[in-house]
Structures are given as C-alpha cells and as structure tokens.
PDB file of N, CA and C in Angstrom:
ATOM      1  N   MET A   1     -17.688  -0.450 -11.185  1.00  0.00           N
ATOM      2  CA  MET A   1     -16.423  -0.610 -10.722  1.00  0.00           C
ATOM      3  C   MET A   1     -17.057  -1.202  -9.126  1.00  0.00           C
ATOM      4  N   SER A   2     -16.090  -2.268  -9.183  1.00  0.00           N
ATOM      5  CA  SER A   2     -16.627  -3.155  -8.178  1.00  0.00           C
ATOM      6  C   SER A   2     -16.186  -2.760  -6.933  1.00  0.00           C
ATOM      7  N   LYS A   3     -16.255  -3.184  -5.462  1.00  0.00           N
ATOM      8  CA  LYS A   3     -16.506  -1.720  -4.155  1.00  0.00           C
ATOM      9  C   LYS A   3     -14.730  -2.185  -4.129  1.00  0.00           C
ATOM     10  N   PRO A   4     -14.632  -3.132  -3.695  1.00  0.00           N
ATOM     11  CA  PRO A   4     -13.042  -3.290  -3.419  1.00  0.00           C
ATOM     12  C   PRO A   4     -11.822  -2.718  -4.442  1.00  0.00           C
ATOM     13  N   ILE A   5     -12.213  -2.722  -5.427  1.00  0.00           N
ATOM     14  CA  ILE A   5     -11.394  -1.482  -6.175  1.00  0.00           C
ATOM     15  C   ILE A   5     -11.643  -0.093  -5.572  1.00  0.00           C
ATOM     16  N   ALA A   6     -12.266   0.054  -6.055  1.00  0.00           N
ATOM     17  CA  ALA A   6     -12.842   1.584  -5.083  1.00  0.00           C
ATOM     18  C   ALA A   6     -12.497   1.573  -3.786  1.00  0.00           C
ATOM     19  N   ASP A   7     -12.670   1.118  -3.457  1.00  0.00           N
ATOM     20  CA  ASP A   7     -12.109   1.048  -1.826  1.00  0.00           C
ATOM     21  C   ASP A   7     -10.730   1.115  -1.829  1.00  0.00           C
ATOM     22  N   SER A   8      -9.547   0.684  -2.689  1.00  0.00           N
ATOM     23  CA  SER A   8      -8.241   0.605  -3.210  1.00  0.00           C
ATOM     24  C   SER A   8      -7.875   1.889  -3.698  1.00  0.00           C
ATOM     25  N   GLY A   9      -8.948   2.031  -4.300  1.00  0.00           N
ATOM     26  CA  GLY A   9      -8.609   3.566  -4.738  1.00  0.00           C
ATOM     27  C   GLY A   9      -8.095   4.924  -3.830  1.00  0.00           C
ATOM     28  N   LYS A  10      -9.233   4.894  -3.204  1.00  0.00           N
ATOM     29  CA  LYS A  10      -9.727   5.414  -2.127  1.00  0.00           C
ATOM     30  C   LYS A  10      -8.490   5.833  -1.260  1.00  0.00           C
ATOM     31  N   ALA A  11      -8.105   4.299  -0.654  1.00  0.00           N
ATOM     32  CA  ALA A  11      -7.249   3.834   0.238  1.00  0.00           C
ATOM     33  C   ALA A  11      -5.403   4.775  -0.699  1.00  0.00           C
ATOM     34  N   PHE A  12      -5.053   4.477  -2.137  1.00  0.00           N
ATOM     35  CA  PHE A  12      -4.578   5.136  -2.406  1.00  0.00           C
ATOM     36  C   PHE A  12      -4.308   6.071  -2.354  1.00  0.00           C
ATOM     37  N   ARG A  13      -5.904   7.371  -2.232  1.00  0.00           N
ATOM     38  CA  ARG A  13      -5.739   8.761  -2.822  1.00  0.00           C
ATOM     39  C   ARG A  13      -5.198   9.418  -1.035  1.00  0.00           C
ATOM     40  N   THR A  14      -5.690   8.210  -0.447  1.00  0.00           N
ATOM     41  CA  THR A  14      -5.707   8.982   0.967  1.00  0.00           C
ATOM     42  C   THR A  14      -3.903   9.419   1.452  1.00  0.00           C
ATOM     43  N   SER A  15      -3.203   7.850   1.094  1.00  0.00           N
ATOM     44  CA  SER A  15      -2.190   7.827   1.208  1.00  0.00           C
ATOM     45  C   SER A  15      -1.371   8.603   0.335  1.00  0.00           C
ATOM     46  N   PHE A  16      -1.291   8.887  -0.686  1.00  0.00           N
ATOM     47  CA  PHE A  16      -0.640   9.817  -1.655  1.00  0.00           C
ATOM     48  C   PHE A  16      -0.988  11.098  -1.574  1.00  0.00           C
ATOM     49  N   ASP A  17      -2.539  12.023  -0.740  1.00  0.00           N
ATOM     50  CA  ASP A  17      -2.334  13.176  -0.456  1.00  0.00           C
ATOM     51  C   ASP A  17      -1.524  13.654   0.931  1.00  0.00           C
ATOM     52  N   ARG A  18      -1.142  12.464   1.768  1.00  0.00           N
ATOM     53  CA  ARG A  18      -0.442  12.793   2.469  1.00  0.00           C
ATOM     54  C   ARG A  18       1.377  13.032   2.314  1.00  0.00           C
ATOM     55  N   LEU A  19       1.306  12.066   1.158  1.00  0.00           N
ATOM     56  CA  LEU A  19       2.843  12.413   0.399  1.00  0.00           C
ATOM     57  C   LEU A  19       2.732  14.022   0.134  1.00  0.00           C
ATOM     58  N   CYS A  20       1.616  14.228  -0.772  1.00  0.00           N
ATOM     59  CA  CYS A  20       1.952  15.873  -1.382  1.00  0.00           C
ATOM     60  C   CYS A  20       1.825  17.246  -0.273  1.00  0.00           C
ATOM     61  N   TYR A  21       1.863  16.050   0.945  1.00  0.00           N
ATOM     62  CA  TYR A  21       1.829  18.068   2.051  1.00  0.00           C
ATOM     63  C   TYR A  21       3.195  18.611   1.932  1.00  0.00           C
ATOM     64  N   ARG A  22       2.982  19.364   1.401  1.00  0.00           N
ATOM     65  CA  ARG A  22       3.649  20.582   1.272  1.00  0.00           C
ATOM     66  C   ARG A  22       4.817  20.522   0.501  1.00  0.00           C
ATOM     67  N   ARG A  23       3.307  19.641  -1.153  1.00  0.00           N
ATOM     68  CA  ARG A  23       4.888  19.193  -2.101  1.00  0.00           C
ATOM     69  C   ARG A  23       3.641  19.618  -3.355  1.00  0.00           C
ATOM     70  N   ASN A  24       3.876  20.321  -4.391  1.00  0.00           N
ATOM     71  CA  ASN A  24       3.310  19.914  -5.567  1.00  0.00           C
ATOM     72  C   ASN A  24       2.760  18.610  -6.095  1.00  0.00           C
ATOM     73  N   TRP A  25       1.771  18.226  -6.122  1.00  0.00           N
ATOM     74  CA  TRP A  25       1.054  17.044  -6.730  1.00  0.00           C
ATOM     75  C   TRP A  25       1.825  16.456  -8.050  1.00  0.00           C
ATOM     76  N   HIS A  26       2.170  17.278  -8.543  1.00  0.00           N
ATOM     77  CA  HIS A  26       2.712  16.599 -10.124  1.00  0.00           C
ATOM     78  C   HIS A  26       4.198  16.260  -9.768  1.00  0.00           C
ATOM     79  N   ASP A  27       5.309  16.577  -8.402  1.00  0.00           N
ATOM     80  CA  ASP A  27       6.343  16.808  -8.308  1.00  0.00           C
ATOM     81  C   ASP A  27       6.536  15.110  -7.545  1.00  0.00           C
ATOM     82  N   ALA A  28       4.961  15.241  -6.380  1.00  0.00           N
ATOM     83  CA  ALA A  28       4.720  13.977  -5.608  1.00  0.00           C
ATOM     84  C   ALA A  28       4.492  12.902  -6.299  1.00  0.00           C
ATOM     85  N   PHE A  29       3.519  12.730  -7.691  1.00  0.00           N
ATOM     86  CA  PHE A  29       3.230  11.740  -9.054  1.00  0.00           C
ATOM     87  C   PHE A  29       4.662  11.252  -9.348  1.00  0.00           C
ATOM     88  N   ARG A  30       5.223  12.462  -9.920  1.00  0.00           N
ATOM     89  CA  ARG A  30       6.655  11.908 -10.439  1.00  0.00           C
ATOM     90  C   ARG A  30       7.446  11.336  -9.436  1.00  0.00           C
ATOM     91  N   ASP A  31       8.034  11.879  -8.363  1.00  0.00           N
ATOM     92  CA  ASP A  31       8.872  10.611  -7.583  1.00  0.00           C
ATOM     93  C   ASP A  31       8.333   9.883  -7.319  1.00  0.00           C
ATOM     94  N   PHE A  32       6.293   9.014  -7.188  1.00  0.00           N
ATOM     95  CA  PHE A  32       5.927   8.102  -6.992  1.00  0.00           C
ATOM     96  C   PHE A  32       6.426   6.658  -8.152  1.00  0.00           C
ATOM     97  N   ILE A  33       6.116   7.732  -9.628  1.00  0.00           N
ATOM     98  CA  ILE A  33       6.631   7.178  -9.816  1.00  0.00           C
ATOM     99  C   ILE A  33       8.017   6.201 -10.277  1.00  0.00           C
ATOM    100  N   GLU A  34       8.903   7.412  -9.923  1.00  0.00           N
ATOM    101  CA  GLU A  34      10.142   7.035 -10.185  1.00  0.00           C
ATOM    102  C   GLU A  34      10.583   6.301  -9.521  1.00  0.00           C
ATOM    103  N   ILE A  35      10.513   5.833  -8.168  1.00  0.00           N
ATOM    104  CA  ILE A  35      10.481   4.979  -6.865  1.00  0.00           C
ATOM    105  C   ILE A  35      10.016   3.547  -7.926  1.00  0.00           C
ATOM    106  N   ALA A  36       8.730   3.994  -7.900  1.00  0.00           N
ATOM    107  CA  ALA A  36       8.068   2.688  -8.817  1.00  0.00           C
ATOM    108  C   ALA A  36       8.991   1.839  -9.769  1.00  0.00           C
ATOM    109  N   ALA A  37       9.232   2.584 -10.617  1.00  0.00           N
ATOM    110  CA  ALA A  37      10.591   2.408 -11.449  1.00  0.00           C
ATOM    111  C   ALA A  37      11.802   1.742 -11.428  1.00  0.00           C
ATOM    112  N   CYS A  38      12.370   2.551 -10.638  1.00  0.00           N
ATOM    113  CA  CYS A  38      13.510   2.148 -10.080  1.00  0.00           C
ATOM    114  C   CYS A  38      13.568   0.595  -9.304  1.00  0.00           C
ATOM    115  N   THR A  39      12.465   0.627  -8.464  1.00  0.00           N
ATOM    116  CA  THR A  39      11.944  -0.480  -7.236  1.00  0.00           C
ATOM    117  C   THR A  39      12.173  -1.893  -8.585  1.00  0.00           C
ATOM    118  N   ILE A  40      11.208  -1.676  -9.758  1.00  0.00           N
ATOM    119  CA  ILE A  40      10.538  -2.630 -10.929  1.00  0.00           C
ATOM    120  C   ILE A  40      12.095  -3.000 -10.994  1.00  0.00           C
ATOM    121  N   HIS A  41      13.157  -1.766 -11.615  1.00  0.00           N
ATOM    122  CA  HIS A  41      14.429  -2.583 -12.093  1.00  0.00           C
ATOM    123  C   HIS A  41      15.296  -2.826 -11.521  1.00  0.00           C
ATOM    124  N   GLN A  42      15.796  -2.982 -10.105  1.00  0.00           N
ATOM    125  CA  GLN A  42      16.245  -3.567  -8.911  1.00  0.00           C
ATOM    126  C   GLN A  42      15.977  -5.334  -8.890  1.00  0.00           C
ATOM    127  N   GLN A  43      14.211  -4.900  -9.222  1.00  0.00           N
ATOM    128  CA  GLN A  43      14.090  -6.457  -8.639  1.00  0.00           C
ATOM    129  C   GLN A  43      14.987  -7.540  -9.289  1.00  0.00           C
ATOM    130  N   PRO A  44      15.731  -7.758 -10.513  1.00  0.00           N
ATOM    131  CA  PRO A  44      16.784  -9.025 -11.097  1.00  0.00           C
ATOM    132  C   PRO A  44      17.297  -9.240  -9.855  1.00  0.00           C
ATOM    133  N   TYR A  45      18.155  -8.022 -10.060  1.00  0.00           N
ATOM    134  CA  TYR A  45      19.422  -7.594  -9.572  1.00  0.00           C
ATOM    135  C   TYR A  45      19.031  -8.415  -7.521  1.00  0.00           C
ATOM    136  N   HIS A  46      18.392  -7.861  -6.840  1.00  0.00           N
ATOM    137  CA  HIS A  46      18.149  -8.619  -5.686  1.00  0.00           C
ATOM    138  C   HIS A  46      17.500  -9.661  -5.629  1.00  0.00           C
ATOM    139  N   LEU A  47      17.189 -10.764  -6.257  1.00  0.00           N
ATOM    140  CA  LEU A  47      16.788 -11.442  -6.231  1.00  0.00           C
ATOM    141  C   LEU A  47      17.988 -12.269  -7.355  1.00  0.00           C
ATOM    142  N   GLY A  48      19.456 -11.609  -7.563  1.00  0.00           N
ATOM    143  CA  GLY A  48      20.717 -12.394  -7.577  1.00  0.00           C
ATOM    144  C   GLY A  48      20.680 -12.769  -9.112  1.00  0.00           C
ATOM    145  N   LEU A  49      19.216 -12.521 -10.124  1.00  0.00           N
ATOM    146  CA  LEU A  49      19.337 -13.160 -11.394  1.00  0.00           C
ATOM    147  C   LEU A  49      20.681 -12.207 -12.233  1.00  0.00           C
ATOM    148  N   LEU A  50      20.882 -11.075 -11.784  1.00  0.00           N
ATOM    149  CA  LEU A  50      21.732 -10.155 -11.869  1.00  0.00           C
ATOM    150  C   LEU A  50      22.791  -9.807 -11.000  1.00  0.00           C
ATOM    151  N   GLU A  51      24.380  -9.455 -11.924  1.00  0.00           N
ATOM    152  CA  GLU A  51      25.361  -9.215 -11.065  1.00  0.00           C
ATOM    153  C   GLU A  51      25.055  -7.666 -11.228  1.00  0.00           C
ATOM    154  N   LYS A  52      25.765  -7.191  -9.740  1.00  0.00           N
ATOM    155  CA  LYS A  52      25.213  -5.429  -9.668  1.00  0.00           C
ATOM    156  C   LYS A  52      26.275  -5.025 -10.645  1.00  0.00           C
ATOM    157  N   ASP A  53      25.972  -3.766 -11.178  1.00  0.00           N
ATOM    158  CA  ASP A  53      26.773  -3.656 -11.839  1.00  0.00           C
ATOM    159  C   ASP A  53      26.404  -1.582 -12.400  1.00  0.00           C
ATOM    160  N   GLU A  54      27.064  -1.341 -13.174  1.00  0.00           N
ATOM    161  CA  GLU A  54      27.070   0.258 -13.394  1.00  0.00           C
ATOM    162  C   GLU A  54      25.365   0.740 -13.474  1.00  0.00           C
ATOM    163  N   ASP A  55      24.769   0.414 -14.095  1.00  0.00           N
ATOM    164  CA  ASP A  55      22.994   0.307 -14.063  1.00  0.00           C
ATOM    165  C   ASP A  55      22.646   0.199 -12.987  1.00  0.00           C
ATOM    166  N   TYR A  56      23.007  -0.845 -11.976  1.00  0.00           N
ATOM    167  CA  TYR A  56      22.091  -1.056 -10.327  1.00  0.00           C
ATOM    168  C   TYR A  56      22.581   0.210 -10.223  1.00  0.00           C
ATOM    169  N   GLU A  57      23.486   0.724  -9.605  1.00  0.00           N
ATOM    170  CA  GLU A  57      24.667   1.742  -8.882  1.00  0.00           C
ATOM    171  C   GLU A  57      23.816   3.036  -9.109  1.00  0.00           C
ATOM    172  N   ARG A  58      23.360   2.821 -10.468  1.00  0.00           N
ATOM    173  CA  ARG A  58      23.399   4.435 -10.854  1.00  0.00           C
ATOM    174  C   ARG A  58      21.625   4.460 -10.246  1.00  0.00           C
ATOM    175  N   ILE A  59      20.791   3.661 -10.862  1.00  0.00           N
ATOM    176  CA  ILE A  59      19.747   3.229 -10.496  1.00  0.00           C
ATOM    177  C   ILE A  59      18.864   3.462  -8.556  1.00  0.00           C
ATOM    178  N   GLU A  60      20.194   2.654  -8.318  1.00  0.00           N
ATOM    179  CA  GLU A  60      20.169   3.262  -7.024  1.00  0.00           C
ATOM    180  C   GLU A  60      20.090   4.006  -5.991  1.00  0.00           C
ATOM    181  N   GLU A  61      21.006   5.208  -6.755  1.00  0.00           N
ATOM    182  CA  GLU A  61      21.458   6.265  -5.996  1.00  0.00           C
ATOM    183  C   GLU A  61      20.470   7.087  -6.591  1.00  0.00           C
ATOM    184  N   LEU A  62      19.613   6.764  -7.886  1.00  0.00           N
ATOM    185  CA  LEU A  62      18.225   7.658  -8.074  1.00  0.00           C
ATOM    186  C   LEU A  62      17.087   7.369  -7.141  1.00  0.00           C
ATOM    187  N   TYR A  63      16.945   6.204  -6.772  1.00  0.00           N
ATOM    188  CA  TYR A  63      15.947   5.705  -5.927  1.00  0.00           C
ATOM    189  C   TYR A  63      16.285   6.243  -4.270  1.00  0.00           C
ATOM    190  N   LEU A  64      17.219   6.547  -4.219  1.00  0.00           N
ATOM    191  CA  LEU A  64      18.010   6.514  -2.355  1.00  0.00           C
ATOM    192  C   LEU A  64      18.004   8.635  -2.395  1.00  0.00           C
ATOM    193  N   SER A  65      18.009   9.224  -3.355  1.00  0.00           N
ATOM    194  CA  SER A  65      17.862  10.412  -3.841  1.00  0.00           C
ATOM    195  C   SER A  65      16.170  10.575  -3.694  1.00  0.00           C
ATOM    196  N   THR A  66      15.274  10.243  -4.270  1.00  0.00           N
ATOM    197  CA  THR A  66      14.158  10.508  -4.551  1.00  0.00           C
ATOM    198  C   THR A  66      13.572  10.017  -3.136  1.00  0.00           C
ATOM    199  N   ILE A  67      13.675   8.766  -2.374  1.00  0.00           N
ATOM    200  CA  ILE A  67      12.344   8.589  -1.250  1.00  0.00           C
ATOM    201  C   ILE A  67      13.433   9.893   0.079  1.00  0.00           C
ATOM    202  N   LYS A  68      14.830   9.916  -0.269  1.00  0.00           N
ATOM    203  CA  LYS A  68      15.119  10.906   0.514  1.00  0.00           C
ATOM    204  C   LYS A  68      14.314  12.267   1.175  1.00  0.00           C
ATOM    205  N   LYS A  69      13.665  12.559  -0.242  1.00  0.00           N
ATOM    206  CA  LYS A  69      12.472  13.675   0.041  1.00  0.00           C
ATOM    207  C   LYS A  69      11.249  13.076   1.062  1.00  0.00           C
ATOM    208  N   TYR A  70      11.146  12.204   1.417  1.00  0.00           N
ATOM    209  CA  TYR A  70       9.888  11.605   2.401  1.00  0.00           C
ATOM    210  C   TYR A  70      10.128  11.555   3.602  1.00  0.00           C
ATOM    211  N   ASN A  71       9.232  11.486   3.775  1.00  0.00           N
ATOM    212  CA  ASN A  71       9.365  10.665   5.723  1.00  0.00           C
ATOM    213  C   ASN A  71       9.107   9.412   5.685  1.00  0.00           C
TER     214      ASN A  71
END
C-alpha cells in the first residue's frame, strides 16, 4: 500500500472515530453510508439535470433527518 493511501485511511479513521463519540460504531457507519448515498442520489437534481420530484423530497428528508444526529 502506498503511503498517501495509508495516510488517507488514517485520516478517515480519525475523523470517523470523532463521529462515533457516544454512538455505536455500526450506527455511525450506517449513517455515513446513508448520507453518502443520499448525496449521490441528489446530485442530478442539484445540477439541474432532473426536476425536483417526490423522490427528491423523500431523499432530502432522509438526508436531513440523518445529519441532524451529528454536529
């Protein structure tokens, strides 16, 4: 493994450990994946490639309720 990748992994782990403060690691990781998936899903809407619809609103609500758990 090259040094930059190893350093990135350590940086991610350090940041993730801070997110897990007072939280179950599995719950925090699930939320991280959910936030990432929501962000990817919303990208075409934010770029103006798709008109905002019920799917957009549903995913936006899920995203906002998930990030609300974290500072």
